[in-house]
N, C-alpha and C. Protein backbone atom coordinates (compact mmCIF):
# COMPACT_ATOMS: atom_id res chain seq x y z
N MET A 1 44.68 -58.15 -18.02
CA MET A 1 45.36 -57.65 -16.93
C MET A 1 44.63 -56.25 -16.35
N LYS A 2 44.10 -56.36 -15.18
CA LYS A 2 43.23 -55.51 -14.79
C LYS A 2 44.24 -54.27 -14.20
N THR A 3 43.78 -53.19 -14.58
CA THR A 3 44.41 -51.92 -14.03
C THR A 3 43.60 -51.20 -13.08
N SER A 4 43.84 -50.82 -11.86
CA SER A 4 42.94 -50.00 -10.90
C SER A 4 43.27 -48.60 -11.30
N MET A 5 42.20 -47.95 -11.10
CA MET A 5 42.16 -46.52 -11.17
C MET A 5 42.29 -45.95 -9.83
N PRO A 6 43.19 -45.01 -9.70
CA PRO A 6 43.37 -44.35 -8.40
C PRO A 6 42.07 -43.76 -7.93
N ARG A 7 41.94 -43.95 -6.73
CA ARG A 7 40.71 -43.48 -5.85
C ARG A 7 40.44 -41.83 -6.17
N GLY A 8 41.35 -41.19 -6.32
CA GLY A 8 41.00 -39.79 -6.68
C GLY A 8 40.23 -39.45 -8.06
N THR A 9 40.90 -40.19 -8.88
CA THR A 9 40.61 -40.10 -10.22
C THR A 9 39.13 -40.62 -10.45
N HIS A 10 38.80 -41.73 -9.68
CA HIS A 10 37.37 -42.39 -9.72
C HIS A 10 36.32 -41.52 -9.17
N LEU A 11 36.59 -40.91 -7.85
CA LEU A 11 35.83 -39.85 -7.24
C LEU A 11 35.40 -38.68 -8.35
N ALA A 12 36.48 -38.24 -8.86
CA ALA A 12 36.47 -37.12 -9.99
C ALA A 12 35.46 -37.36 -11.03
N ARG A 13 35.46 -38.79 -11.51
CA ARG A 13 34.94 -38.87 -12.57
C ARG A 13 33.38 -39.03 -12.18
N VAL A 14 33.08 -39.55 -11.05
CA VAL A 14 31.85 -39.80 -10.47
C VAL A 14 31.12 -38.44 -10.30
N LEU A 15 31.82 -37.35 -9.83
CA LEU A 15 31.50 -35.90 -9.48
C LEU A 15 31.31 -35.33 -10.85
N CYS A 16 32.16 -35.57 -11.70
CA CYS A 16 31.78 -35.01 -13.19
C CYS A 16 30.42 -35.63 -13.67
N LEU A 17 30.29 -36.85 -13.61
CA LEU A 17 28.88 -37.30 -14.24
C LEU A 17 27.76 -36.90 -13.37
N LEU A 18 27.80 -36.77 -12.25
CA LEU A 18 26.97 -36.01 -11.41
C LEU A 18 26.64 -34.57 -12.03
N ALA A 19 27.45 -33.94 -12.12
CA ALA A 19 27.67 -32.52 -12.66
C ALA A 19 26.86 -32.35 -13.81
N ALA A 20 27.18 -33.35 -14.79
CA ALA A 20 26.56 -33.37 -16.03
C ALA A 20 25.38 -33.72 -16.03
N GLY A 21 24.85 -34.56 -14.99
CA GLY A 21 23.47 -34.99 -15.02
C GLY A 21 22.61 -33.87 -14.37
N MET A 22 23.20 -32.98 -13.51
CA MET A 22 22.53 -31.86 -12.89
C MET A 22 22.50 -30.52 -13.86
N MET A 23 23.15 -30.48 -15.07
CA MET A 23 23.20 -29.15 -15.61
C MET A 23 21.75 -29.14 -16.21
N PRO A 24 20.83 -30.04 -16.74
CA PRO A 24 19.56 -29.68 -17.21
C PRO A 24 18.56 -29.33 -16.26
N LEU A 25 18.92 -29.58 -14.86
CA LEU A 25 18.03 -29.30 -13.95
C LEU A 25 18.36 -27.71 -13.46
N ALA A 26 19.82 -27.58 -13.65
CA ALA A 26 20.18 -26.05 -13.31
C ALA A 26 19.72 -25.23 -14.42
N ALA A 27 19.78 -25.67 -15.62
CA ALA A 27 19.23 -24.74 -16.78
C ALA A 27 17.86 -24.69 -16.72
N ALA A 28 17.21 -25.60 -16.05
CA ALA A 28 15.54 -25.64 -16.01
C ALA A 28 15.36 -24.44 -14.78
N ALA A 29 16.04 -24.52 -13.97
CA ALA A 29 15.93 -23.44 -12.66
C ALA A 29 16.12 -22.06 -13.14
N ASN A 30 17.22 -21.72 -14.02
CA ASN A 30 17.55 -20.61 -14.10
C ASN A 30 16.88 -20.13 -15.49
N ALA A 31 15.79 -20.97 -16.04
CA ALA A 31 15.06 -20.55 -17.13
C ALA A 31 14.11 -19.61 -16.61
N ALA A 32 12.95 -18.94 -17.40
CA ALA A 32 12.10 -17.99 -17.31
C ALA A 32 11.56 -18.15 -15.67
N PRO A 33 11.39 -17.17 -15.03
CA PRO A 33 10.79 -17.25 -13.46
C PRO A 33 9.43 -17.77 -13.71
N ALA A 34 9.01 -18.12 -12.83
CA ALA A 34 7.50 -18.65 -12.50
C ALA A 34 6.76 -17.24 -12.81
N GLU A 35 5.32 -17.79 -13.41
CA GLU A 35 4.46 -16.68 -13.64
C GLU A 35 3.90 -16.21 -12.10
N LYS A 36 3.62 -14.97 -11.97
CA LYS A 36 3.16 -14.39 -10.80
C LYS A 36 1.68 -14.27 -11.08
N TYR A 37 0.87 -14.49 -9.94
CA TYR A 37 -0.66 -14.30 -10.26
C TYR A 37 -0.99 -13.28 -9.37
N LEU A 38 -2.00 -12.49 -9.59
CA LEU A 38 -2.89 -11.51 -8.84
C LEU A 38 -4.01 -12.49 -8.29
N HIS A 39 -4.23 -12.42 -6.95
CA HIS A 39 -5.18 -13.27 -6.38
C HIS A 39 -6.15 -12.05 -5.70
N VAL A 40 -7.45 -12.28 -5.68
CA VAL A 40 -8.69 -11.48 -5.13
C VAL A 40 -9.55 -12.51 -4.50
N LYS A 41 -9.68 -12.29 -3.16
CA LYS A 41 -10.71 -13.23 -2.48
C LYS A 41 -11.73 -12.45 -1.72
N VAL A 42 -12.93 -12.46 -2.17
CA VAL A 42 -13.86 -11.34 -1.29
C VAL A 42 -15.11 -12.45 -0.79
N GLU A 43 -15.32 -12.63 0.60
CA GLU A 43 -16.05 -13.46 0.86
C GLU A 43 -17.09 -12.62 2.05
N ASP A 44 -18.40 -12.90 1.80
CA ASP A 44 -19.50 -12.25 2.61
C ASP A 44 -20.38 -13.22 3.18
N PRO A 45 -20.01 -13.60 4.58
CA PRO A 45 -20.83 -14.78 5.13
C PRO A 45 -22.35 -14.33 5.41
N THR A 46 -22.69 -13.04 5.34
CA THR A 46 -23.82 -12.76 5.65
C THR A 46 -24.86 -13.03 4.35
N THR A 47 -24.36 -13.00 3.24
CA THR A 47 -25.18 -13.42 1.96
C THR A 47 -24.63 -14.47 1.23
N SER A 48 -23.62 -15.41 1.82
CA SER A 48 -22.79 -16.38 1.41
C SER A 48 -22.41 -16.19 -0.12
N ALA A 49 -22.25 -14.83 -0.51
CA ALA A 49 -21.46 -14.63 -1.74
C ALA A 49 -19.94 -14.66 -1.75
N ASN A 50 -19.36 -15.35 -2.46
CA ASN A 50 -17.86 -15.34 -2.44
C ASN A 50 -17.40 -15.04 -3.96
N VAL A 51 -16.14 -14.18 -3.99
CA VAL A 51 -15.69 -14.06 -5.17
C VAL A 51 -14.16 -14.20 -5.12
N HIS A 52 -13.80 -15.29 -5.93
CA HIS A 52 -12.31 -15.63 -6.16
C HIS A 52 -11.66 -15.31 -7.42
N VAL A 53 -10.64 -14.45 -7.50
CA VAL A 53 -10.07 -14.19 -8.75
C VAL A 53 -8.78 -14.70 -8.91
N ASN A 54 -8.17 -15.22 -9.89
CA ASN A 54 -6.89 -15.55 -10.07
C ASN A 54 -6.47 -15.41 -11.46
N VAL A 55 -5.57 -14.10 -11.66
CA VAL A 55 -5.17 -13.74 -12.92
C VAL A 55 -3.72 -13.59 -13.00
N PRO A 56 -3.09 -14.20 -13.86
CA PRO A 56 -1.64 -14.08 -14.26
C PRO A 56 -1.31 -12.46 -14.60
N LEU A 57 -0.24 -12.18 -13.86
CA LEU A 57 -0.13 -10.80 -13.81
C LEU A 57 0.34 -10.39 -15.25
N SER A 58 0.84 -11.25 -16.13
CA SER A 58 1.14 -10.99 -17.68
C SER A 58 -0.24 -10.94 -18.48
N LEU A 59 -1.38 -11.41 -17.96
CA LEU A 59 -2.61 -11.12 -18.51
C LEU A 59 -2.71 -10.12 -18.20
N ALA A 60 -3.19 -9.56 -16.91
CA ALA A 60 -3.53 -8.27 -16.27
C ALA A 60 -2.71 -7.22 -17.08
N GLU A 61 -1.39 -7.26 -17.30
CA GLU A 61 -0.76 -6.24 -17.90
C GLU A 61 -1.16 -6.30 -19.33
N ALA A 62 -1.50 -7.25 -20.08
CA ALA A 62 -1.86 -7.13 -21.45
C ALA A 62 -2.98 -6.56 -21.73
N ILE A 63 -4.24 -7.03 -20.85
CA ILE A 63 -5.39 -6.49 -21.13
C ILE A 63 -5.56 -5.20 -20.54
N LEU A 64 -4.84 -4.56 -19.49
CA LEU A 64 -5.01 -3.39 -18.98
C LEU A 64 -5.22 -1.90 -19.94
N PRO A 65 -4.26 -2.04 -20.95
CA PRO A 65 -4.27 -0.70 -21.69
C PRO A 65 -5.67 -0.69 -22.66
N ALA A 66 -6.24 -2.06 -22.83
CA ALA A 66 -7.50 -2.00 -23.67
C ALA A 66 -8.75 -1.68 -22.65
N ILE A 67 -8.63 -1.09 -21.46
CA ILE A 67 -9.65 -0.88 -20.65
C ILE A 67 -9.72 0.68 -20.67
N ASN A 68 -10.63 1.35 -21.14
CA ASN A 68 -10.63 2.86 -21.12
C ASN A 68 -12.00 3.20 -20.44
N ASN A 69 -12.02 3.43 -19.30
CA ASN A 69 -13.52 3.68 -18.65
C ASN A 69 -13.09 4.54 -17.50
N GLN A 70 -13.83 5.78 -17.47
CA GLN A 70 -14.01 6.80 -16.52
C GLN A 70 -12.55 7.31 -16.45
N ASN A 71 -11.91 6.76 -14.97
CA ASN A 71 -10.31 7.45 -14.82
C ASN A 71 -9.15 6.63 -15.29
N LEU A 72 -9.68 5.47 -15.87
CA LEU A 72 -8.58 4.36 -16.50
C LEU A 72 -8.34 4.47 -17.79
N HIS A 73 -7.48 5.12 -18.33
CA HIS A 73 -7.14 4.78 -19.94
C HIS A 73 -5.54 4.63 -20.00
N ASP A 74 -5.29 3.81 -20.96
CA ASP A 74 -4.06 3.09 -21.51
C ASP A 74 -3.24 2.95 -20.25
N GLY A 75 -3.61 2.02 -19.36
CA GLY A 75 -2.89 1.41 -18.22
C GLY A 75 -2.48 2.53 -16.98
N LYS A 76 -3.48 3.72 -17.28
CA LYS A 76 -2.98 4.66 -16.15
C LYS A 76 -4.43 5.31 -15.63
N VAL A 77 -4.30 5.47 -14.34
CA VAL A 77 -5.53 6.06 -13.60
C VAL A 77 -5.22 7.40 -13.25
N SER A 78 -6.18 8.25 -13.62
CA SER A 78 -6.13 9.54 -13.56
C SER A 78 -6.92 10.22 -12.24
N PHE A 79 -6.55 10.89 -11.36
CA PHE A 79 -7.26 11.48 -10.39
C PHE A 79 -7.26 12.93 -10.53
N HIS A 80 -8.43 13.48 -10.17
CA HIS A 80 -8.60 14.79 -10.53
C HIS A 80 -8.87 15.93 -9.12
N TYR A 81 -7.96 15.62 -8.21
CA TYR A 81 -8.02 16.40 -6.94
C TYR A 81 -6.64 17.54 -7.00
N SER A 82 -7.32 18.57 -7.05
CA SER A 82 -6.32 19.71 -7.10
C SER A 82 -5.16 19.65 -5.92
N ASP A 83 -5.64 19.01 -4.85
CA ASP A 83 -4.60 18.98 -3.68
C ASP A 83 -3.47 17.93 -3.99
N VAL A 84 -3.88 16.92 -4.61
CA VAL A 84 -2.79 16.02 -4.88
C VAL A 84 -2.07 16.18 -6.23
N ASN A 85 -2.75 16.94 -7.03
CA ASN A 85 -1.89 17.48 -8.27
C ASN A 85 -1.07 18.27 -7.91
N SER A 86 -0.74 18.87 -6.73
CA SER A 86 0.28 19.84 -6.39
C SER A 86 1.34 18.93 -5.54
N VAL A 87 1.42 17.96 -5.41
CA VAL A 87 2.13 17.25 -4.59
C VAL A 87 3.17 16.45 -5.59
N ASP A 88 4.41 16.59 -5.28
CA ASP A 88 5.57 16.06 -5.86
C ASP A 88 5.68 14.22 -5.38
N LEU A 89 5.03 13.46 -5.92
CA LEU A 89 5.18 12.12 -5.51
C LEU A 89 6.16 11.47 -5.57
N ARG A 90 7.00 11.50 -6.93
CA ARG A 90 8.56 11.21 -6.90
C ARG A 90 9.40 11.64 -5.85
N THR A 91 9.36 12.78 -5.44
CA THR A 91 10.14 13.19 -4.39
C THR A 91 9.94 12.79 -3.04
N ILE A 92 8.82 12.69 -2.65
CA ILE A 92 8.06 11.96 -1.45
C ILE A 92 8.65 10.51 -1.43
N LEU A 93 8.31 9.85 -2.45
CA LEU A 93 8.90 8.36 -2.52
C LEU A 93 10.37 8.32 -2.46
N ASN A 94 11.14 9.27 -3.12
CA ASN A 94 12.48 9.28 -2.98
C ASN A 94 13.15 9.36 -1.48
N ALA A 95 12.27 10.15 -0.71
CA ALA A 95 12.49 10.56 0.71
C ALA A 95 12.30 9.25 1.30
N VAL A 96 11.15 8.63 1.13
CA VAL A 96 10.71 7.40 2.12
C VAL A 96 11.75 6.39 1.75
N ARG A 97 12.02 6.27 0.48
CA ARG A 97 12.75 5.05 -0.09
C ARG A 97 14.23 4.94 0.80
N THR A 98 14.93 6.39 1.09
CA THR A 98 16.10 6.50 1.63
C THR A 98 16.02 6.51 2.97
N ALA A 99 14.88 6.69 3.65
CA ALA A 99 14.79 6.78 5.02
C ALA A 99 14.97 5.67 5.58
N PRO A 100 15.28 5.51 6.96
CA PRO A 100 15.28 4.12 7.65
C PRO A 100 14.05 3.52 7.88
N ASP A 101 13.90 2.37 8.14
CA ASP A 101 12.59 1.82 8.60
C ASP A 101 12.03 2.65 9.96
N ASN A 102 10.69 2.73 9.71
CA ASN A 102 10.22 3.76 10.81
C ASN A 102 8.68 3.85 10.78
N GLU A 103 8.14 4.23 12.02
CA GLU A 103 6.98 4.59 11.81
C GLU A 103 6.65 6.10 11.86
N PHE A 104 6.08 6.49 10.36
CA PHE A 104 6.01 7.85 10.29
C PHE A 104 4.91 8.48 10.67
N VAL A 105 3.84 8.02 10.68
CA VAL A 105 2.48 8.75 11.02
C VAL A 105 1.43 7.77 11.99
N THR A 106 1.36 8.18 13.09
CA THR A 106 0.20 7.47 13.92
C THR A 106 -0.82 8.32 14.41
N VAL A 107 -2.11 8.16 14.05
CA VAL A 107 -3.21 8.95 14.45
C VAL A 107 -4.30 8.06 15.18
N ASN A 108 -4.38 8.30 16.39
CA ASN A 108 -5.48 7.64 17.18
C ASN A 108 -6.52 8.75 17.59
N SER A 109 -7.81 8.60 16.89
CA SER A 109 -8.87 9.35 17.19
C SER A 109 -10.28 8.52 17.85
N ASN A 110 -11.17 9.06 18.04
CA ASN A 110 -12.69 8.68 18.31
C ASN A 110 -13.09 7.80 17.30
N ASP A 111 -12.67 8.22 15.97
CA ASP A 111 -13.21 7.68 14.64
C ASP A 111 -12.50 6.85 14.01
N SER A 112 -11.14 6.71 14.22
CA SER A 112 -10.35 5.89 13.67
C SER A 112 -8.78 5.77 14.22
N ASP A 113 -7.95 4.75 13.66
CA ASP A 113 -6.66 4.61 14.20
C ASP A 113 -6.03 4.34 12.91
N VAL A 114 -4.94 5.14 12.64
CA VAL A 114 -4.10 4.99 11.33
C VAL A 114 -2.72 5.01 11.69
N ARG A 115 -2.04 4.13 11.00
CA ARG A 115 -0.58 4.11 11.13
C ARG A 115 -0.06 3.78 9.62
N VAL A 116 1.16 4.69 9.37
CA VAL A 116 1.84 4.66 8.17
C VAL A 116 3.26 4.38 8.56
N ALA A 117 3.87 3.36 7.86
CA ALA A 117 5.35 2.90 7.96
C ALA A 117 6.02 2.45 6.98
N LYS A 118 7.35 2.44 7.14
CA LYS A 118 8.16 1.87 6.08
C LYS A 118 8.82 0.72 6.71
N SER A 119 8.65 -0.65 6.07
CA SER A 119 9.09 -1.67 6.93
C SER A 119 9.73 -2.75 5.57
N ASN A 120 10.91 -3.19 5.68
CA ASN A 120 11.61 -4.14 4.82
C ASN A 120 11.29 -3.68 3.25
N GLY A 121 11.52 -2.54 2.80
CA GLY A 121 11.14 -2.02 1.64
C GLY A 121 9.86 -1.96 1.22
N ASN A 122 9.11 -1.73 2.11
CA ASN A 122 7.58 -1.84 1.92
C ASN A 122 6.92 -0.57 2.54
N ILE A 123 5.79 -0.11 1.97
CA ILE A 123 5.08 0.99 2.67
C ILE A 123 3.92 0.34 3.33
N VAL A 124 3.83 0.35 4.48
CA VAL A 124 2.59 -0.13 5.20
C VAL A 124 1.68 0.77 5.91
N VAL A 125 0.48 0.44 5.58
CA VAL A 125 -0.71 1.42 6.03
C VAL A 125 -1.55 0.47 6.83
N HIS A 126 -1.87 0.85 7.91
CA HIS A 126 -3.10 0.10 8.50
C HIS A 126 -3.97 1.04 9.34
N VAL A 127 -5.38 0.65 9.15
CA VAL A 127 -6.35 1.58 9.44
C VAL A 127 -7.53 0.93 9.90
N ILE A 128 -7.92 1.43 11.22
CA ILE A 128 -9.16 0.78 11.91
C ILE A 128 -10.19 1.82 11.96
N ASP A 129 -11.18 1.85 11.49
CA ASP A 129 -12.26 2.54 11.16
C ASP A 129 -13.22 2.33 12.35
N LYS A 130 -13.28 3.04 13.30
CA LYS A 130 -14.29 2.77 14.40
C LYS A 130 -15.63 3.14 14.33
N GLN A 131 -15.94 3.94 13.19
CA GLN A 131 -17.42 4.26 12.89
C GLN A 131 -17.91 3.30 12.28
N ASP A 132 -17.09 2.48 11.06
CA ASP A 132 -17.83 1.50 10.35
C ASP A 132 -17.52 0.08 11.01
N ARG A 133 -18.41 -0.32 12.09
CA ARG A 133 -18.31 -1.37 12.48
C ARG A 133 -17.08 -2.19 12.77
N GLY A 134 -16.06 -1.38 13.02
CA GLY A 134 -14.86 -1.74 13.42
C GLY A 134 -13.98 -2.05 12.00
N GLN A 135 -14.30 -1.88 11.05
CA GLN A 135 -13.40 -2.01 9.54
C GLN A 135 -12.12 -2.04 9.84
N LYS A 136 -11.10 -3.04 9.54
CA LYS A 136 -9.66 -2.96 9.48
C LYS A 136 -9.19 -3.08 8.08
N VAL A 137 -8.35 -2.16 7.90
CA VAL A 137 -7.73 -2.29 6.48
C VAL A 137 -6.32 -2.31 6.71
N ASP A 138 -5.67 -3.14 5.94
CA ASP A 138 -4.01 -3.20 5.87
C ASP A 138 -3.78 -3.27 4.61
N VAL A 139 -2.55 -2.51 4.18
CA VAL A 139 -2.23 -2.35 2.66
C VAL A 139 -0.59 -2.19 2.94
N THR A 140 -0.25 -3.10 2.09
CA THR A 140 1.37 -3.06 1.95
C THR A 140 1.86 -3.01 0.60
N VAL A 141 2.56 -2.06 0.20
CA VAL A 141 3.00 -1.59 -1.15
C VAL A 141 4.40 -1.61 -1.22
N PRO A 142 5.05 -2.66 -1.95
CA PRO A 142 6.68 -2.65 -2.14
C PRO A 142 7.11 -1.13 -2.72
N ILE A 143 7.98 -0.45 -2.18
CA ILE A 143 8.41 0.73 -2.65
C ILE A 143 8.54 0.78 -4.29
N LYS A 144 9.24 -0.39 -4.74
CA LYS A 144 9.53 -0.56 -6.11
C LYS A 144 8.23 -0.26 -6.77
N VAL A 145 7.34 -1.01 -6.50
CA VAL A 145 5.91 -0.77 -7.04
C VAL A 145 5.23 0.69 -6.93
N ALA A 146 5.43 1.13 -5.84
CA ALA A 146 5.10 2.52 -5.74
C ALA A 146 5.73 3.41 -6.67
N ASP A 147 7.30 3.20 -6.65
CA ASP A 147 7.97 4.06 -7.77
C ASP A 147 7.49 3.74 -8.96
N ALA A 148 7.14 2.48 -9.53
CA ALA A 148 6.68 2.27 -10.85
C ALA A 148 5.29 3.02 -11.12
N LEU A 149 4.54 3.24 -10.12
CA LEU A 149 3.34 3.75 -10.38
C LEU A 149 3.40 5.23 -10.63
N VAL A 150 4.41 5.79 -10.13
CA VAL A 150 4.49 7.26 -10.61
C VAL A 150 5.77 7.78 -11.45
N ALA A 151 6.63 6.72 -11.75
CA ALA A 151 7.78 6.88 -12.57
C ALA A 151 7.60 7.40 -13.81
N THR A 152 6.75 6.85 -14.69
CA THR A 152 6.44 7.37 -15.95
C THR A 152 5.13 8.04 -16.05
N ALA A 153 4.49 8.12 -15.18
CA ALA A 153 3.13 8.86 -15.15
C ALA A 153 3.29 10.48 -15.14
N ASN A 154 2.47 11.16 -15.65
CA ASN A 154 2.44 12.52 -15.58
C ASN A 154 1.77 12.94 -14.16
N ASN A 155 1.76 14.24 -13.66
CA ASN A 155 1.13 14.39 -12.59
C ASN A 155 -0.29 14.17 -12.69
N GLY A 156 -1.03 13.77 -11.47
CA GLY A 156 -2.58 13.57 -11.80
C GLY A 156 -2.58 12.11 -12.21
N GLN A 157 -1.60 11.28 -12.57
CA GLN A 157 -1.83 9.95 -13.03
C GLN A 157 -1.01 8.93 -12.25
N LEU A 158 -1.40 7.84 -12.29
CA LEU A 158 -0.55 6.56 -11.60
C LEU A 158 -0.66 5.62 -12.77
N ASP A 159 0.60 4.84 -12.95
CA ASP A 159 0.92 4.10 -14.39
C ASP A 159 0.52 2.62 -13.59
N VAL A 160 -0.47 2.33 -13.62
CA VAL A 160 -0.76 0.87 -13.26
C VAL A 160 -0.29 -0.21 -13.98
N ALA A 161 -0.02 -0.11 -15.16
CA ALA A 161 0.68 -1.21 -16.04
C ALA A 161 1.94 -1.23 -15.50
N SER A 162 2.69 -0.07 -15.17
CA SER A 162 4.12 -0.03 -14.89
C SER A 162 4.37 -0.95 -13.52
N ALA A 163 3.18 -0.75 -12.65
CA ALA A 163 3.02 -1.28 -11.32
C ALA A 163 3.00 -2.85 -11.32
N LEU A 164 2.15 -3.19 -12.24
CA LEU A 164 1.85 -4.56 -12.47
C LEU A 164 3.39 -5.46 -12.80
N ARG A 165 4.09 -4.57 -13.68
CA ARG A 165 5.41 -5.17 -14.37
C ARG A 165 6.18 -5.22 -13.00
N ALA A 166 6.26 -4.33 -12.05
CA ALA A 166 7.14 -4.26 -10.75
C ALA A 166 6.50 -5.41 -9.86
N LEU A 167 5.39 -5.72 -9.98
CA LEU A 167 4.66 -6.88 -8.94
C LEU A 167 5.30 -8.13 -9.46
N SER A 168 5.45 -8.12 -10.93
CA SER A 168 6.07 -9.44 -11.50
C SER A 168 7.35 -9.90 -10.65
N ASP A 169 8.07 -8.73 -10.34
CA ASP A 169 9.56 -8.92 -9.86
C ASP A 169 9.50 -9.04 -8.44
N ALA A 170 8.29 -8.82 -7.64
CA ALA A 170 8.17 -8.78 -6.00
C ALA A 170 8.10 -10.34 -5.74
N GLY A 171 8.52 -10.48 -4.52
CA GLY A 171 8.17 -11.95 -4.01
C GLY A 171 6.53 -11.92 -3.81
N ASP A 172 6.42 -13.28 -2.97
CA ASP A 172 5.05 -13.23 -2.69
C ASP A 172 4.68 -12.34 -1.68
N ILE A 173 3.43 -11.74 -1.69
CA ILE A 173 3.11 -10.62 -0.79
C ILE A 173 1.57 -10.54 -0.76
N VAL A 174 1.19 -10.11 0.45
CA VAL A 174 -0.28 -9.83 0.83
C VAL A 174 -0.40 -8.27 0.53
N LEU A 175 -1.00 -7.94 -0.36
CA LEU A 175 -1.12 -6.38 -0.75
C LEU A 175 -2.10 -5.73 0.13
N VAL A 176 -3.41 -6.39 0.23
CA VAL A 176 -4.33 -5.64 0.93
C VAL A 176 -5.37 -6.79 1.59
N THR A 177 -5.69 -6.13 2.90
CA THR A 177 -6.59 -7.04 3.67
C THR A 177 -7.77 -6.13 4.09
N VAL A 178 -9.05 -6.51 4.14
CA VAL A 178 -10.06 -5.58 4.69
C VAL A 178 -11.04 -6.73 5.39
N HIS A 179 -11.10 -6.33 6.75
CA HIS A 179 -12.12 -7.11 7.36
C HIS A 179 -13.13 -6.18 8.19
N ASP A 180 -14.34 -6.64 8.19
CA ASP A 180 -15.49 -5.78 8.98
C ASP A 180 -16.58 -6.86 9.34
N SER A 181 -17.55 -6.56 9.67
CA SER A 181 -18.57 -7.57 10.48
C SER A 181 -19.27 -8.29 9.21
N SER A 182 -19.19 -7.77 8.14
CA SER A 182 -19.87 -8.56 6.93
C SER A 182 -19.06 -9.17 5.89
N GLU A 183 -17.86 -8.37 5.72
CA GLU A 183 -17.02 -9.09 4.49
C GLU A 183 -15.49 -9.05 4.78
N ARG A 184 -14.95 -10.03 4.30
CA ARG A 184 -13.49 -10.02 4.18
C ARG A 184 -12.88 -10.10 2.72
N VAL A 185 -11.82 -9.29 2.70
CA VAL A 185 -11.37 -9.07 1.32
C VAL A 185 -9.67 -9.28 1.48
N ARG A 186 -9.21 -10.04 0.40
CA ARG A 186 -7.77 -10.20 0.47
C ARG A 186 -7.29 -10.33 -0.92
N VAL A 187 -6.22 -9.33 -1.37
CA VAL A 187 -5.52 -9.20 -2.44
C VAL A 187 -3.96 -9.64 -2.33
N TRP A 188 -3.58 -10.53 -2.93
CA TRP A 188 -2.04 -10.95 -2.93
C TRP A 188 -1.55 -11.38 -4.20
N ILE A 189 -0.29 -11.37 -4.18
CA ILE A 189 0.44 -12.13 -5.21
C ILE A 189 1.50 -13.01 -4.85
N ASP A 190 1.30 -14.27 -5.66
CA ASP A 190 2.25 -15.24 -5.41
C ASP A 190 2.39 -16.01 -6.69
N SER A 191 3.07 -17.31 -6.73
CA SER A 191 3.21 -18.23 -8.09
C SER A 191 2.60 -18.99 -8.11
N ARG A 192 1.46 -19.37 -7.46
CA ARG A 192 0.27 -20.24 -7.49
C ARG A 192 -0.72 -20.02 -8.50
N ASP A 193 -1.40 -20.91 -9.17
CA ASP A 193 -2.34 -20.23 -10.13
C ASP A 193 -3.94 -20.62 -9.57
N THR A 194 -3.88 -21.02 -8.29
CA THR A 194 -5.11 -21.34 -7.70
C THR A 194 -5.01 -20.49 -6.10
N GLN A 195 -6.18 -20.56 -5.49
CA GLN A 195 -6.35 -19.99 -4.08
C GLN A 195 -6.18 -21.17 -3.21
């Protein structure tokens, strides 16, 4: 004698089986986040010289403390400009973080055009150097990364190792682009191990 299962019970069992089958996929998706890579691409069409760098941020963070050269020691960069040493970078960053998105500085001159703004949690700097063959420089720094640069550093230092850790948590982002008549430079972070 064949007994029929109520339609709702049958549907519930099918959904339970699907859910059980999806659990390993969900666990894999919630596992460790994908490795982030620092990419640098420099191209000089005038000399046909190209440089491509793809470094996992974890590798960069691990080897950075081993580099002690000139102003870079123990993952921190020191700068020796008395004008900068008297500036409280933490207070400035806190003010920028809490300010609404805005264009803070615009300078247009015969030599250059400069724009400094806050947009979507990033500090954005755009420079056109009219004297240097129209060189254009764009820099985007997530405020969390800027905070990491100054959070554990002493005055006159930037903590590059902490900034690398903060970049690991940032989304895919183009950090720097430079364009002039002879060279193209691009620095960015993403989850791909190649360019």
